[in-house]
Amino acid sequence: MSAGKKTSYSNAIKFKVALEAIKSGKTIAEISTEHNVPSSLVSKWKKHVLDMGANIFSSASQSSSVNINKDNQLYEQLGRQAVEITYLKKLADRYL
């Protein structure tokens, strides 16, 4: 008995096939045959894209906003530490 290999597909391929399933007038079976992908996966990818809808765009903007906030917090922390280091160096010079 030989076990079938599980094929993995890139996100770009998944999106391309799902978009074709949404936009074209072709059936799932036709798209499945064209791209050599099981029809169950074509249906699953199509449903996923339709379910995500506007969230596809909002999650990207939210994550970039979170990254900007984290960057700002890190820069503030670095600034505070730079001031503390300068102060401690001056204090050490005075006593050494």
C-alpha atoms as a PDB file:
ATOM      1  CA  MET A   1       0.000   0.000   0.000  1.00  0.00           C
ATOM      2  CA  SER A   2       1.331   3.383  -0.901  1.00  0.00           C
ATOM      3  CA  ALA A   3       0.192   6.399   1.000  1.00  0.00           C
ATOM      4  CA  GLY A   4      -0.610   9.450  -1.112  1.00  0.00           C
ATOM      5  CA  LYS A   5       1.600  12.455  -0.683  1.00  0.00           C
ATOM      6  CA  LYS A   6      -0.058  15.546   0.634  1.00  0.00           C
ATOM      7  CA  THR A   7       0.473  18.418  -1.769  1.00  0.00           C
ATOM      8  CA  SER A   8       0.911  21.876  -0.329  1.00  0.00           C
ATOM      9  CA  TYR A   9      -0.061  24.964  -2.273  1.00  0.00           C
ATOM     10  CA  SER A  10       1.300  28.470  -1.909  1.00  0.00           C
ATOM     11  CA  ASN A  11      -0.951  31.249  -0.676  1.00  0.00           C
ATOM     12  CA  ALA A  12      -0.664  32.912  -4.076  1.00  0.00           C
ATOM     13  CA  ILE A  13      -1.986  29.812  -5.848  1.00  0.00           C
ATOM     14  CA  LYS A  14      -4.793  29.434  -3.321  1.00  0.00           C
ATOM     15  CA  PHE A  15      -5.846  33.035  -3.813  1.00  0.00           C
ATOM     16  CA  LYS A  16      -5.591  32.840  -7.609  1.00  0.00           C
ATOM     17  CA  VAL A  17      -7.739  29.701  -7.770  1.00  0.00           C
ATOM     18  CA  ALA A  18     -10.270  31.066  -5.264  1.00  0.00           C
ATOM     19  CA  LEU A  19     -10.537  34.337  -7.153  1.00  0.00           C
ATOM     20  CA  GLU A  20     -11.069  32.478 -10.417  1.00  0.00           C
ATOM     21  CA  ALA A  21     -13.795  30.418  -8.741  1.00  0.00           C
ATOM     22  CA  ILE A  22     -15.484  33.615  -7.592  1.00  0.00           C
ATOM     23  CA  LYS A  23     -15.108  35.713 -10.729  1.00  0.00           C
ATOM     24  CA  SER A  24     -15.269  33.304 -13.653  1.00  0.00           C
ATOM     25  CA  GLY A  25     -18.356  31.586 -14.953  1.00  0.00           C
ATOM     26  CA  LYS A  26     -16.598  28.248 -14.738  1.00  0.00           C
ATOM     27  CA  THR A  27     -17.700  25.447 -12.475  1.00  0.00           C
ATOM     28  CA  ILE A  28     -15.631  24.254  -9.538  1.00  0.00           C
ATOM     29  CA  ALA A  29     -14.966  21.032 -11.445  1.00  0.00           C
ATOM     30  CA  GLU A  30     -13.585  22.937 -14.452  1.00  0.00           C
ATOM     31  CA  ILE A  31     -11.288  25.049 -12.289  1.00  0.00           C
ATOM     32  CA  SER A  32     -10.228  21.965 -10.369  1.00  0.00           C
ATOM     33  CA  THR A  33      -9.244  20.201 -13.571  1.00  0.00           C
ATOM     34  CA  GLU A  34      -7.420  23.243 -15.006  1.00  0.00           C
ATOM     35  CA  HIS A  35      -5.269  23.743 -11.916  1.00  0.00           C
ATOM     36  CA  ASN A  36      -4.963  20.070 -10.944  1.00  0.00           C
ATOM     37  CA  VAL A  37      -6.397  20.800  -7.493  1.00  0.00           C
ATOM     38  CA  PRO A  38      -9.100  18.759  -5.753  1.00  0.00           C
ATOM     39  CA  SER A  39     -12.524  20.374  -6.093  1.00  0.00           C
ATOM     40  CA  SER A  40     -13.002  20.247  -2.315  1.00  0.00           C
ATOM     41  CA  LEU A  41      -9.980  22.536  -1.904  1.00  0.00           C
ATOM     42  CA  VAL A  42     -11.230  24.936  -4.572  1.00  0.00           C
ATOM     43  CA  SER A  43     -14.543  25.193  -2.719  1.00  0.00           C
ATOM     44  CA  LYS A  44     -12.790  25.594   0.637  1.00  0.00           C
ATOM     45  CA  TRP A  45     -10.481  28.363  -0.663  1.00  0.00           C
ATOM     46  CA  LYS A  46     -13.387  30.171  -2.337  1.00  0.00           C
ATOM     47  CA  LYS A  47     -15.418  30.070   0.880  1.00  0.00           C
ATOM     48  CA  HIS A  48     -12.427  31.306   2.888  1.00  0.00           C
ATOM     49  CA  VAL A  49     -11.881  34.316   0.614  1.00  0.00           C
ATOM     50  CA  LEU A  50     -15.578  35.166   0.685  1.00  0.00           C
ATOM     51  CA  ASP A  51     -15.738  34.775   4.476  1.00  0.00           C
ATOM     52  CA  MET A  52     -12.691  36.976   5.026  1.00  0.00           C
ATOM     53  CA  GLY A  53     -14.158  39.779   2.919  1.00  0.00           C
ATOM     54  CA  ALA A  54     -13.232  43.200   4.248  1.00  0.00           C
ATOM     55  CA  ASN A  55     -11.195  41.672   7.093  1.00  0.00           C
ATOM     56  CA  ILE A  56      -8.412  40.965   4.612  1.00  0.00           C
ATOM     57  CA  PHE A  57      -7.720  44.680   4.437  1.00  0.00           C
ATOM     58  CA  SER A  58      -8.388  45.629   8.051  1.00  0.00           C
ATOM     59  CA  SER A  59      -5.984  43.079   9.509  1.00  0.00           C
ATOM     60  CA  ALA A  60      -3.097  44.451   7.429  1.00  0.00           C
ATOM     61  CA  SER A  61      -3.701  48.015   8.564  1.00  0.00           C
ATOM     62  CA  GLN A  62      -4.133  46.944  12.187  1.00  0.00           C
ATOM     63  CA  SER A  63      -0.900  44.986  12.231  1.00  0.00           C
ATOM     64  CA  SER A  64       1.059  47.880  10.721  1.00  0.00           C
ATOM     65  CA  SER A  65      -0.477  50.207  13.315  1.00  0.00           C
ATOM     66  CA  VAL A  66       0.579  47.830  16.103  1.00  0.00           C
ATOM     67  CA  ASN A  67       4.115  47.699  14.670  1.00  0.00           C
ATOM     68  CA  ILE A  68       4.337  51.502  14.613  1.00  0.00           C
ATOM     69  CA  ASN A  69       3.198  51.691  18.236  1.00  0.00           C
ATOM     70  CA  LYS A  70       5.760  49.072  19.281  1.00  0.00           C
ATOM     71  CA  ASP A  71       8.496  50.943  17.402  1.00  0.00           C
ATOM     72  CA  ASN A  72       7.576  54.183  19.156  1.00  0.00           C
ATOM     73  CA  GLN A  73       7.632  52.475  22.553  1.00  0.00           C
ATOM     74  CA  LEU A  74      11.061  51.005  21.838  1.00  0.00           C
ATOM     75  CA  TYR A  75      12.450  54.381  20.745  1.00  0.00           C
ATOM     76  CA  GLU A  76      11.103  55.967  23.933  1.00  0.00           C
ATOM     77  CA  GLN A  77      12.699  53.238  26.019  1.00  0.00           C
ATOM     78  CA  LEU A  78      16.039  53.676  24.217  1.00  0.00           C
ATOM     79  CA  GLY A  79      15.886  57.407  24.838  1.00  0.00           C
ATOM     80  CA  ARG A  80      15.263  56.912  28.559  1.00  0.00           C
ATOM     81  CA  GLN A  81      18.097  54.415  28.799  1.00  0.00           C
ATOM     82  CA  ALA A  82      20.473  56.765  26.970  1.00  0.00           C
ATOM     83  CA  VAL A  83      19.686  59.516  29.494  1.00  0.00           C
ATOM     84  CA  GLU A  84      20.190  57.096  32.390  1.00  0.00           C
ATOM     85  CA  ILE A  85      23.539  55.896  31.007  1.00  0.00           C
ATOM     86  CA  THR A  86      24.768  59.461  30.570  1.00  0.00           C
ATOM     87  CA  TYR A  87      23.719  60.322  34.114  1.00  0.00           C
ATOM     88  CA  LEU A  88      25.382  57.219  35.573  1.00  0.00           C
ATOM     89  CA  LYS A  89      28.617  57.905  33.662  1.00  0.00           C
ATOM     90  CA  LYS A  90      28.762  61.437  35.053  1.00  0.00           C
ATOM     91  CA  LEU A  91      28.014  60.127  38.527  1.00  0.00           C
ATOM     92  CA  ALA A  92      30.721  57.455  38.221  1.00  0.00           C
ATOM     93  CA  ASP A  93      33.289  60.023  37.005  1.00  0.00           C
ATOM     94  CA  ARG A  94      32.575  62.158  40.047  1.00  0.00           C
ATOM     95  CA  TYR A  95      33.279  59.335  42.504  1.00  0.00           C
ATOM     96  CA  LEU A  96      36.116  57.541  40.730  1.00  0.00           C
END
